[in-house]
C-alpha atoms as a PDB file:
ATOM      1  CA  UNK A   1     -17.876   6.831   1.034  1.00  0.00           C
ATOM      2  CA  UNK A   2     -18.921   5.566   4.416  1.00  0.00           C
ATOM      3  CA  UNK A   3     -22.281   6.178   6.043  1.00  0.00           C
ATOM      4  CA  UNK A   4     -20.622   8.464   8.557  1.00  0.00           C
ATOM      5  CA  UNK A   5     -19.292  10.733   5.815  1.00  0.00           C
ATOM      6  CA  UNK A   6     -22.604  10.789   3.953  1.00  0.00           C
ATOM      7  CA  UNK A   7     -24.410  11.969   7.081  1.00  0.00           C
ATOM      8  CA  UNK A   8     -21.744  14.564   7.771  1.00  0.00           C
ATOM      9  CA  UNK A   9     -21.972  15.884   4.217  1.00  0.00           C
ATOM     10  CA  UNK A  10     -25.778  16.138   4.409  1.00  0.00           C
ATOM     11  CA  UNK A  11     -25.556  18.043   7.694  1.00  0.00           C
ATOM     12  CA  UNK A  12     -22.845  20.371   6.436  1.00  0.00           C
ATOM     13  CA  UNK A  13     -24.483  21.085   3.085  1.00  0.00           C
ATOM     14  CA  UNK A  14     -26.432  23.972   4.638  1.00  0.00           C
ATOM     15  CA  UNK A  15     -23.645  26.467   5.302  1.00  0.00           C
ATOM     16  CA  UNK A  16     -20.691  27.378   3.049  1.00  0.00           C
ATOM     17  CA  UNK A  17     -18.214  27.298   5.941  1.00  0.00           C
ATOM     18  CA  UNK A  18     -19.118  23.732   6.842  1.00  0.00           C
ATOM     19  CA  UNK A  19     -18.992  22.701   3.189  1.00  0.00           C
ATOM     20  CA  UNK A  20     -15.474  24.067   2.735  1.00  0.00           C
ATOM     21  CA  UNK A  21     -14.417  22.399   5.993  1.00  0.00           C
ATOM     22  CA  UNK A  22     -15.767  19.075   4.734  1.00  0.00           C
ATOM     23  CA  UNK A  23     -13.905  19.602   1.458  1.00  0.00           C
ATOM     24  CA  UNK A  24     -10.644  20.235   3.337  1.00  0.00           C
ATOM     25  CA  UNK A  25     -11.199  17.126   5.443  1.00  0.00           C
ATOM     26  CA  UNK A  26     -11.723  15.019   2.330  1.00  0.00           C
ATOM     27  CA  UNK A  27      -8.696  16.545   0.630  1.00  0.00           C
ATOM     28  CA  UNK A  28      -6.529  15.759   3.659  1.00  0.00           C
ATOM     29  CA  UNK A  29      -7.862  12.215   3.768  1.00  0.00           C
ATOM     30  CA  UNK A  30      -7.104  11.673   0.082  1.00  0.00           C
ATOM     31  CA  UNK A  31      -3.552  12.999   0.583  1.00  0.00           C
ATOM     32  CA  UNK A  32      -3.019  10.393   3.300  1.00  0.00           C
ATOM     33  CA  UNK A  33      -4.464   7.659   1.083  1.00  0.00           C
ATOM     34  CA  UNK A  34      -2.254   8.735  -1.833  1.00  0.00           C
ATOM     35  CA  UNK A  35       0.814   8.665   0.405  1.00  0.00           C
ATOM     36  CA  UNK A  36      -0.067   5.179   1.665  1.00  0.00           C
ATOM     37  CA  UNK A  37      -0.635   3.869  -1.856  1.00  0.00           C
ATOM     38  CA  UNK A  38       2.720   5.229  -3.007  1.00  0.00           C
ATOM     39  CA  UNK A  39       4.417   3.567  -0.036  1.00  0.00           C
ATOM     40  CA  UNK A  40       2.760   0.228  -0.842  1.00  0.00           C
ATOM     41  CA  UNK A  41       3.762   0.537  -4.493  1.00  0.00           C
ATOM     42  CA  UNK A  42       7.382   1.293  -3.570  1.00  0.00           C
ATOM     43  CA  UNK A  43       7.552  -1.664  -1.177  1.00  0.00           C
ATOM     44  CA  UNK A  44       6.062  -3.982  -3.793  1.00  0.00           C
ATOM     45  CA  UNK A  45       8.687  -2.887  -6.319  1.00  0.00           C
ATOM     46  CA  UNK A  46      11.451  -3.543  -3.763  1.00  0.00           C
ATOM     47  CA  UNK A  47      10.034  -6.982  -2.910  1.00  0.00           C
ATOM     48  CA  UNK A  48       9.699  -7.904  -6.587  1.00  0.00           C
ATOM     49  CA  UNK A  49      13.292  -6.845  -7.248  1.00  0.00           C
ATOM     50  CA  UNK A  50      14.462  -8.963  -4.300  1.00  0.00           C
ATOM     51  CA  UNK A  51      12.583 -12.037  -5.490  1.00  0.00           C
ATOM     52  CA  UNK A  52      13.916 -11.633  -9.026  1.00  0.00           C
ATOM     53  CA  UNK A  53      17.492 -11.244  -7.753  1.00  0.00           C
ATOM     54  CA  UNK A  54      17.162 -14.403  -5.668  1.00  0.00           C
ATOM     55  CA  UNK A  55      15.597 -16.278  -8.586  1.00  0.00           C
ATOM     56  CA  UNK A  56      18.250 -15.358 -11.154  1.00  0.00           C
ATOM     57  CA  UNK A  57      21.218 -15.852  -8.824  1.00  0.00           C
ATOM     58  CA  UNK A  58      19.820 -19.224  -7.821  1.00  0.00           C
ATOM     59  CA  UNK A  59      19.668 -20.282 -11.489  1.00  0.00           C
ATOM     60  CA  UNK A  60      23.458 -20.030 -11.707  1.00  0.00           C
ATOM     61  CA  UNK A  61      24.630 -21.377  -8.345  1.00  0.00           C
ATOM     62  CA  UNK A  62      21.668 -23.445  -7.039  1.00  0.00           C
ATOM     63  CA  UNK A  63      22.398 -22.264  -3.503  1.00  0.00           C
ATOM     64  CA  UNK A  64      18.741 -22.437  -2.461  1.00  0.00           C
ATOM     65  CA  UNK A  65      18.436 -26.093  -3.440  1.00  0.00           C
ATOM     66  CA  UNK A  66      21.636 -26.900  -1.524  1.00  0.00           C
ATOM     67  CA  UNK A  67      20.443 -24.973   1.509  1.00  0.00           C
ATOM     68  CA  UNK A  68      17.020 -26.666   1.500  1.00  0.00           C
ATOM     69  CA  UNK A  69      18.674 -30.060   1.047  1.00  0.00           C
ATOM     70  CA  UNK A  70      20.648 -29.470   4.249  1.00  0.00           C
ATOM     71  CA  UNK A  71      17.604 -28.250   6.174  1.00  0.00           C
ATOM     72  CA  UNK A  72      14.995 -30.726   4.939  1.00  0.00           C
ATOM     73  CA  UNK A  73      17.387 -33.721   4.470  1.00  0.00           C
ATOM     74  CA  UNK A  74      16.253 -34.737   1.003  1.00  0.00           C
END
């Protein structure tokens, strides 16, 4: 928790309305964080699948080696 949030929680600890408002703010923030983490996880799974597809198709046809040979002139 950041310093800003600690100060806000100490200030709002006096009244029940402010405490519930702080709780709702934290809950909303955690929903956003959860959504972002799920998006990152999904993208990582897609990237891993793409790399594995390229790897296993390259084992059979060696198209990446041929392509790099043309580009890098080995």
